[in-house]
Amino acid sequence: MNIFMPLTAGIVVGCLLRKAKRRFKIDALVSTSLLAMVFFLGVKTGKVHVSGLWLFGVSGIFAVLTIAGSLLLAEVGR
């Protein structure tokens, strides 16, 4: 899907709402749209066949290396 079409539509709607000079409570709209995005991302991710054990191992190694790199840079920058 082209990302620029919804982005442009959002900009146009935002400009129209700003020109209306009325205050809208968009908290619920933003929360709902974010939850929908996370839901559909999860649905799309669930269709991918990946070994959970392999993913767990790679994530653990990445976390350990990230922490080690942060500690190393903190020590060097001291």
N, C-alpha and C. Protein backbone atom coordinates (compact mmCIF):
# COMPACT_ATOMS: atom_id res chain seq x y z
N MET A 1 0.84 -1.18 0.00
CA MET A 1 0.00 0.00 0.00
C MET A 1 0.89 1.24 0.00
N ASN A 2 0.50 2.19 -0.74
CA ASN A 2 1.26 3.43 -0.81
C ASN A 2 1.09 4.20 0.50
N ILE A 3 2.19 4.52 1.16
CA ILE A 3 2.14 5.18 2.46
C ILE A 3 1.79 6.66 2.34
N PHE A 4 2.05 7.24 1.19
CA PHE A 4 1.87 8.68 1.04
C PHE A 4 0.39 9.08 0.93
N MET A 5 -0.45 8.20 0.45
CA MET A 5 -1.87 8.53 0.33
C MET A 5 -2.53 8.74 1.69
N PRO A 6 -2.40 7.80 2.65
CA PRO A 6 -2.99 8.05 3.97
C PRO A 6 -2.30 9.21 4.70
N LEU A 7 -0.99 9.36 4.49
CA LEU A 7 -0.28 10.47 5.12
C LEU A 7 -0.80 11.81 4.62
N THR A 8 -0.99 11.92 3.32
CA THR A 8 -1.52 13.16 2.73
C THR A 8 -2.95 13.40 3.20
N ALA A 9 -3.75 12.35 3.26
CA ALA A 9 -5.13 12.50 3.74
C ALA A 9 -5.15 12.96 5.19
N GLY A 10 -4.25 12.45 6.01
CA GLY A 10 -4.17 12.88 7.40
C GLY A 10 -3.77 14.33 7.54
N ILE A 11 -2.84 14.76 6.70
CA ILE A 11 -2.42 16.17 6.72
C ILE A 11 -3.58 17.07 6.32
N VAL A 12 -4.31 16.69 5.29
CA VAL A 12 -5.45 17.49 4.84
C VAL A 12 -6.53 17.56 5.92
N VAL A 13 -6.85 16.44 6.54
CA VAL A 13 -7.86 16.43 7.59
C VAL A 13 -7.39 17.28 8.78
N GLY A 14 -6.11 17.17 9.12
CA GLY A 14 -5.57 17.98 10.22
C GLY A 14 -5.67 19.47 9.93
N CYS A 15 -5.36 19.86 8.70
CA CYS A 15 -5.47 21.28 8.33
C CYS A 15 -6.91 21.75 8.37
N LEU A 16 -7.84 20.91 7.91
CA LEU A 16 -9.26 21.29 7.95
C LEU A 16 -9.76 21.43 9.38
N LEU A 17 -9.32 20.54 10.26
CA LEU A 17 -9.73 20.63 11.66
C LEU A 17 -9.14 21.88 12.33
N ARG A 18 -7.92 22.22 11.96
CA ARG A 18 -7.30 23.42 12.54
C ARG A 18 -8.02 24.68 12.07
N LYS A 19 -8.43 24.70 10.80
CA LYS A 19 -9.12 25.87 10.26
C LYS A 19 -10.54 25.99 10.80
N ALA A 20 -11.12 24.91 11.28
CA ALA A 20 -12.48 24.94 11.84
C ALA A 20 -12.51 25.68 13.17
N LYS A 21 -11.35 25.84 13.80
CA LYS A 21 -11.20 26.57 15.06
C LYS A 21 -12.10 26.02 16.16
N ARG A 22 -12.36 24.75 16.09
CA ARG A 22 -13.08 24.07 17.17
C ARG A 22 -12.13 23.07 17.78
N ARG A 23 -12.21 22.93 19.08
CA ARG A 23 -11.38 21.96 19.75
C ARG A 23 -12.04 20.59 19.70
N PHE A 24 -11.31 19.63 19.18
CA PHE A 24 -11.80 18.26 19.14
C PHE A 24 -10.96 17.43 20.09
N LYS A 25 -11.62 16.53 20.78
CA LYS A 25 -10.89 15.60 21.63
C LYS A 25 -10.56 14.39 20.77
N ILE A 26 -9.34 14.34 20.32
CA ILE A 26 -8.95 13.26 19.42
C ILE A 26 -8.20 12.15 20.15
N ASP A 27 -8.17 12.20 21.48
CA ASP A 27 -7.47 11.17 22.24
C ASP A 27 -8.02 9.78 21.95
N ALA A 28 -9.34 9.66 21.96
CA ALA A 28 -9.96 8.36 21.72
C ALA A 28 -9.71 7.89 20.29
N LEU A 29 -9.73 8.82 19.34
CA LEU A 29 -9.48 8.47 17.94
C LEU A 29 -8.05 7.99 17.75
N VAL A 30 -7.10 8.68 18.36
CA VAL A 30 -5.69 8.28 18.25
C VAL A 30 -5.48 6.93 18.91
N SER A 31 -6.04 6.73 20.10
CA SER A 31 -5.88 5.44 20.78
C SER A 31 -6.49 4.30 19.98
N THR A 32 -7.66 4.53 19.42
CA THR A 32 -8.32 3.50 18.62
C THR A 32 -7.52 3.17 17.37
N SER A 33 -7.00 4.18 16.71
CA SER A 33 -6.23 3.93 15.49
C SER A 33 -4.91 3.21 15.80
N LEU A 34 -4.27 3.57 16.91
CA LEU A 34 -3.04 2.87 17.29
C LEU A 34 -3.31 1.41 17.64
N LEU A 35 -4.41 1.16 18.37
CA LEU A 35 -4.75 -0.22 18.69
C LEU A 35 -5.08 -1.02 17.44
N ALA A 36 -5.75 -0.40 16.48
CA ALA A 36 -6.06 -1.09 15.22
C ALA A 36 -4.78 -1.39 14.46
N MET A 37 -3.84 -0.44 14.44
CA MET A 37 -2.57 -0.68 13.74
C MET A 37 -1.80 -1.83 14.37
N VAL A 38 -1.75 -1.86 15.71
CA VAL A 38 -1.05 -2.95 16.40
C VAL A 38 -1.75 -4.28 16.15
N PHE A 39 -3.07 -4.28 16.15
CA PHE A 39 -3.82 -5.51 15.89
C PHE A 39 -3.51 -6.05 14.50
N PHE A 40 -3.59 -5.19 13.48
CA PHE A 40 -3.35 -5.66 12.12
C PHE A 40 -1.89 -6.04 11.89
N LEU A 41 -0.97 -5.38 12.60
CA LEU A 41 0.43 -5.78 12.53
C LEU A 41 0.60 -7.18 13.11
N GLY A 42 -0.10 -7.45 14.22
CA GLY A 42 -0.04 -8.78 14.82
C GLY A 42 -0.63 -9.84 13.92
N VAL A 43 -1.73 -9.52 13.24
CA VAL A 43 -2.34 -10.47 12.31
C VAL A 43 -1.38 -10.78 11.17
N LYS A 44 -0.75 -9.75 10.64
CA LYS A 44 0.20 -9.95 9.53
C LYS A 44 1.41 -10.74 10.01
N THR A 45 1.88 -10.45 11.21
CA THR A 45 3.04 -11.15 11.75
C THR A 45 2.70 -12.61 12.04
N GLY A 46 1.48 -12.86 12.46
CA GLY A 46 1.06 -14.22 12.76
C GLY A 46 1.02 -15.13 11.54
N LYS A 47 0.96 -14.56 10.37
CA LYS A 47 0.93 -15.35 9.14
C LYS A 47 2.32 -15.84 8.74
N VAL A 48 3.36 -15.23 9.30
CA VAL A 48 4.74 -15.59 8.95
C VAL A 48 5.14 -16.81 9.77
N HIS A 49 5.74 -17.79 9.12
CA HIS A 49 6.18 -19.00 9.80
C HIS A 49 7.63 -18.84 10.21
N VAL A 50 7.85 -18.68 11.54
CA VAL A 50 9.19 -18.53 12.09
C VAL A 50 9.30 -19.45 13.30
N SER A 51 10.48 -20.05 13.47
CA SER A 51 10.71 -20.89 14.63
C SER A 51 10.80 -20.01 15.88
N GLY A 52 9.92 -20.25 16.84
CA GLY A 52 9.89 -19.44 18.05
C GLY A 52 11.15 -19.57 18.88
N LEU A 53 11.72 -20.78 18.94
CA LEU A 53 12.94 -20.99 19.72
C LEU A 53 14.11 -20.24 19.09
N TRP A 54 14.21 -20.28 17.77
CA TRP A 54 15.28 -19.54 17.09
C TRP A 54 15.14 -18.04 17.33
N LEU A 55 13.91 -17.53 17.21
CA LEU A 55 13.66 -16.12 17.43
C LEU A 55 13.98 -15.71 18.86
N PHE A 56 13.64 -16.57 19.82
CA PHE A 56 13.95 -16.30 21.22
C PHE A 56 15.47 -16.23 21.42
N GLY A 57 16.20 -17.16 20.83
CA GLY A 57 17.66 -17.16 20.96
C GLY A 57 18.30 -15.93 20.35
N VAL A 58 17.89 -15.57 19.16
CA VAL A 58 18.45 -14.40 18.49
C VAL A 58 18.12 -13.13 19.27
N SER A 59 16.91 -13.04 19.80
CA SER A 59 16.53 -11.87 20.60
C SER A 59 17.35 -11.78 21.87
N GLY A 60 17.60 -12.90 22.50
CA GLY A 60 18.42 -12.92 23.71
C GLY A 60 19.85 -12.49 23.43
N ILE A 61 20.42 -13.02 22.36
CA ILE A 61 21.79 -12.64 21.98
C ILE A 61 21.86 -11.16 21.66
N PHE A 62 20.88 -10.65 20.94
CA PHE A 62 20.85 -9.23 20.60
C PHE A 62 20.75 -8.37 21.86
N ALA A 63 19.94 -8.79 22.82
CA ALA A 63 19.79 -8.03 24.07
C ALA A 63 21.10 -8.01 24.85
N VAL A 64 21.76 -9.16 24.95
CA VAL A 64 23.04 -9.24 25.67
C VAL A 64 24.10 -8.38 25.00
N LEU A 65 24.20 -8.46 23.68
CA LEU A 65 25.19 -7.65 22.97
C LEU A 65 24.88 -6.16 23.07
N THR A 66 23.63 -5.79 23.08
CA THR A 66 23.26 -4.39 23.22
C THR A 66 23.66 -3.86 24.60
N ILE A 67 23.40 -4.64 25.63
CA ILE A 67 23.78 -4.23 26.99
C ILE A 67 25.30 -4.15 27.10
N ALA A 68 25.99 -5.15 26.56
CA ALA A 68 27.46 -5.14 26.62
C ALA A 68 28.04 -3.94 25.87
N GLY A 69 27.48 -3.62 24.72
CA GLY A 69 27.95 -2.45 23.97
C GLY A 69 27.69 -1.16 24.71
N SER A 70 26.54 -1.05 25.36
CA SER A 70 26.23 0.15 26.13
C SER A 70 27.20 0.31 27.31
N LEU A 71 27.47 -0.80 28.01
CA LEU A 71 28.39 -0.74 29.13
C LEU A 71 29.81 -0.41 28.67
N LEU A 72 30.20 -0.95 27.54
CA LEU A 72 31.53 -0.67 27.00
C LEU A 72 31.66 0.81 26.62
N LEU A 73 30.65 1.34 25.94
CA LEU A 73 30.69 2.76 25.57
C LEU A 73 30.64 3.66 26.80
N ALA A 74 29.91 3.26 27.84
CA ALA A 74 29.87 4.06 29.07
C ALA A 74 31.24 4.07 29.74
N GLU A 75 31.92 2.94 29.69
CA GLU A 75 33.26 2.84 30.30
C GLU A 75 34.28 3.63 29.50
N VAL A 76 34.18 3.58 28.18
CA VAL A 76 35.14 4.31 27.33
C VAL A 76 34.89 5.81 27.44
N GLY A 77 33.64 6.23 27.54
CA GLY A 77 33.29 7.64 27.60
C GLY A 77 33.52 8.27 28.95
N ARG A 78 33.91 7.50 29.92
CA ARG A 78 34.10 7.99 31.28
C ARG A 78 35.22 8.94 31.38
